[in-house]
Amino acid sequence: MTMISSDPPLRAFLFHCMADARRKAISLDLTAANIPAGSCLTGWVFDGEVRVSVQEPLPVAIAPEPVLRGLRSSGYFVWEEGSNPKSTTQ
């Protein structure tokens, strides 16, 4: 019998770069302090709280798997809108 992942969704926070709204980030830190400064020199603008899991769609056009990997390994995930990172086979 195959088990469906029952990991609870991660509570995270969505941001966009002040200088370039196409640059997005999701962080476990409400202040975005854990996101490297070089990824947005002008600062991050808070867009809201999100729940991240493979069972729930994100409010942005991106696959949840790479976001989850980034959150679990680094506490954040940064991408450029339109680059649409996809999940990978593991």
C-alpha atoms as a PDB file:
ATOM      1  CA  MET A   1       0.000   0.000   0.000  1.00  0.00           C
ATOM      2  CA  THR A   2       1.405   3.404  -0.991  1.00  0.00           C
ATOM      3  CA  MET A   3       1.481   6.068   1.710  1.00  0.00           C
ATOM      4  CA  ILE A   4       0.636   9.673   0.863  1.00  0.00           C
ATOM      5  CA  SER A   5       2.980  12.183   2.468  1.00  0.00           C
ATOM      6  CA  SER A   6       1.360  13.456   5.625  1.00  0.00           C
ATOM      7  CA  ASP A   7       3.950  16.130   6.365  1.00  0.00           C
ATOM      8  CA  PRO A   8       2.137  19.197   7.664  1.00  0.00           C
ATOM      9  CA  PRO A   9       2.413  22.328   5.503  1.00  0.00           C
ATOM     10  CA  LEU A  10       5.255  24.684   6.366  1.00  0.00           C
ATOM     11  CA  ARG A  11       4.239  28.148   7.510  1.00  0.00           C
ATOM     12  CA  ALA A  12       6.286  30.594   5.448  1.00  0.00           C
ATOM     13  CA  PHE A  13       6.255  34.165   4.209  1.00  0.00           C
ATOM     14  CA  LEU A  14       6.156  35.510   0.652  1.00  0.00           C
ATOM     15  CA  PHE A  15       8.169  38.567  -0.419  1.00  0.00           C
ATOM     16  CA  HIS A  16       9.061  40.473  -3.576  1.00  0.00           C
ATOM     17  CA  CYS A  17      12.150  42.577  -4.216  1.00  0.00           C
ATOM     18  CA  MET A  18      11.562  46.309  -3.861  1.00  0.00           C
ATOM     19  CA  ALA A  19      13.566  47.105  -7.029  1.00  0.00           C
ATOM     20  CA  ASP A  20      12.244  44.240  -9.164  1.00  0.00           C
ATOM     21  CA  ALA A  21       8.817  42.786  -8.344  1.00  0.00           C
ATOM     22  CA  ARG A  22       9.572  39.762 -10.566  1.00  0.00           C
ATOM     23  CA  ARG A  23      12.166  38.594  -8.011  1.00  0.00           C
ATOM     24  CA  LYS A  24      10.318  36.616  -5.338  1.00  0.00           C
ATOM     25  CA  ALA A  25      11.285  34.877  -2.135  1.00  0.00           C
ATOM     26  CA  ILE A  26       9.631  32.567   0.356  1.00  0.00           C
ATOM     27  CA  SER A  27      11.216  32.450   3.799  1.00  0.00           C
ATOM     28  CA  LEU A  28      10.592  30.822   7.147  1.00  0.00           C
ATOM     29  CA  ASP A  29      11.639  34.165   8.684  1.00  0.00           C
ATOM     30  CA  LEU A  30       8.930  36.842   8.818  1.00  0.00           C
ATOM     31  CA  THR A  31      11.590  39.573   8.572  1.00  0.00           C
ATOM     32  CA  ALA A  32      13.394  37.967   5.571  1.00  0.00           C
ATOM     33  CA  ALA A  33      16.657  38.437   7.498  1.00  0.00           C
ATOM     34  CA  ASN A  34      17.843  34.941   6.517  1.00  0.00           C
ATOM     35  CA  ILE A  35      17.745  35.711   2.764  1.00  0.00           C
ATOM     36  CA  PRO A  36      21.212  36.689   1.467  1.00  0.00           C
ATOM     37  CA  ALA A  37      21.468  40.474   0.980  1.00  0.00           C
ATOM     38  CA  GLY A  38      22.903  40.063  -2.526  1.00  0.00           C
ATOM     39  CA  SER A  39      19.685  38.514  -3.806  1.00  0.00           C
ATOM     40  CA  CYS A  40      17.862  41.879  -3.485  1.00  0.00           C
ATOM     41  CA  LEU A  41      19.958  44.959  -2.696  1.00  0.00           C
ATOM     42  CA  THR A  42      16.958  47.272  -2.140  1.00  0.00           C
ATOM     43  CA  GLY A  43      15.159  45.083   0.404  1.00  0.00           C
ATOM     44  CA  TRP A  44      12.250  42.682   0.506  1.00  0.00           C
ATOM     45  CA  VAL A  45       8.569  43.696   0.614  1.00  0.00           C
ATOM     46  CA  PHE A  46       6.250  41.420   2.594  1.00  0.00           C
ATOM     47  CA  ASP A  47       3.379  39.992   0.501  1.00  0.00           C
ATOM     48  CA  GLY A  48       1.770  37.656   3.023  1.00  0.00           C
ATOM     49  CA  GLU A  49       1.840  34.332   4.775  1.00  0.00           C
ATOM     50  CA  VAL A  50       1.733  31.109   2.762  1.00  0.00           C
ATOM     51  CA  ARG A  51       1.414  27.409   3.535  1.00  0.00           C
ATOM     52  CA  VAL A  52       3.866  25.302   1.588  1.00  0.00           C
ATOM     53  CA  SER A  53       3.192  21.634   0.884  1.00  0.00           C
ATOM     54  CA  VAL A  54       2.877  19.336  -2.109  1.00  0.00           C
ATOM     55  CA  GLN A  55      -0.857  19.043  -1.390  1.00  0.00           C
ATOM     56  CA  GLU A  56      -1.646  22.779  -1.504  1.00  0.00           C
ATOM     57  CA  PRO A  57      -1.131  25.156  -4.446  1.00  0.00           C
ATOM     58  CA  LEU A  58       1.053  28.183  -3.832  1.00  0.00           C
ATOM     59  CA  PRO A  59      -0.359  31.665  -4.580  1.00  0.00           C
ATOM     60  CA  VAL A  60       2.446  32.110  -7.134  1.00  0.00           C
ATOM     61  CA  ALA A  61       3.151  30.156 -10.325  1.00  0.00           C
ATOM     62  CA  ILE A  62       5.860  27.823  -9.057  1.00  0.00           C
ATOM     63  CA  ALA A  63       6.055  24.132  -8.246  1.00  0.00           C
ATOM     64  CA  PRO A  64       6.104  23.518  -4.475  1.00  0.00           C
ATOM     65  CA  GLU A  65       8.842  20.846  -4.475  1.00  0.00           C
ATOM     66  CA  PRO A  66      11.870  23.129  -5.080  1.00  0.00           C
ATOM     67  CA  VAL A  67      10.450  25.640  -2.592  1.00  0.00           C
ATOM     68  CA  LEU A  68      10.109  22.932   0.061  1.00  0.00           C
ATOM     69  CA  ARG A  69      13.673  21.727  -0.578  1.00  0.00           C
ATOM     70  CA  GLY A  70      14.993  25.286  -0.210  1.00  0.00           C
ATOM     71  CA  LEU A  71      12.989  25.963   2.935  1.00  0.00           C
ATOM     72  CA  ARG A  72      14.119  22.715   4.551  1.00  0.00           C
ATOM     73  CA  SER A  73      17.793  23.149   3.642  1.00  0.00           C
ATOM     74  CA  SER A  74      18.304  26.937   3.906  1.00  0.00           C
ATOM     75  CA  GLY A  75      15.130  28.428   5.371  1.00  0.00           C
ATOM     76  CA  TYR A  76      14.384  30.394   2.201  1.00  0.00           C
ATOM     77  CA  PHE A  77      13.885  30.074  -1.561  1.00  0.00           C
ATOM     78  CA  VAL A  78      14.479  32.874  -4.101  1.00  0.00           C
ATOM     79  CA  TRP A  79      13.462  32.863  -7.769  1.00  0.00           C
ATOM     80  CA  GLU A  80      12.657  35.145 -10.680  1.00  0.00           C
ATOM     81  CA  GLU A  81       9.017  35.139 -11.779  1.00  0.00           C
ATOM     82  CA  GLY A  82       8.816  33.495 -15.198  1.00  0.00           C
ATOM     83  CA  SER A  83      11.803  31.200 -14.585  1.00  0.00           C
ATOM     84  CA  ASN A  84       9.330  28.679 -13.103  1.00  0.00           C
ATOM     85  CA  PRO A  85      11.654  26.205 -11.363  1.00  0.00           C
ATOM     86  CA  LYS A  86      10.261  22.701 -11.613  1.00  0.00           C
ATOM     87  CA  SER A  87      10.501  19.763  -9.300  1.00  0.00           C
ATOM     88  CA  THR A  88      13.169  17.182  -9.978  1.00  0.00           C
ATOM     89  CA  THR A  89      13.106  13.441  -9.653  1.00  0.00           C
ATOM     90  CA  GLN A  90      14.766  12.344  -6.446  1.00  0.00           C
END
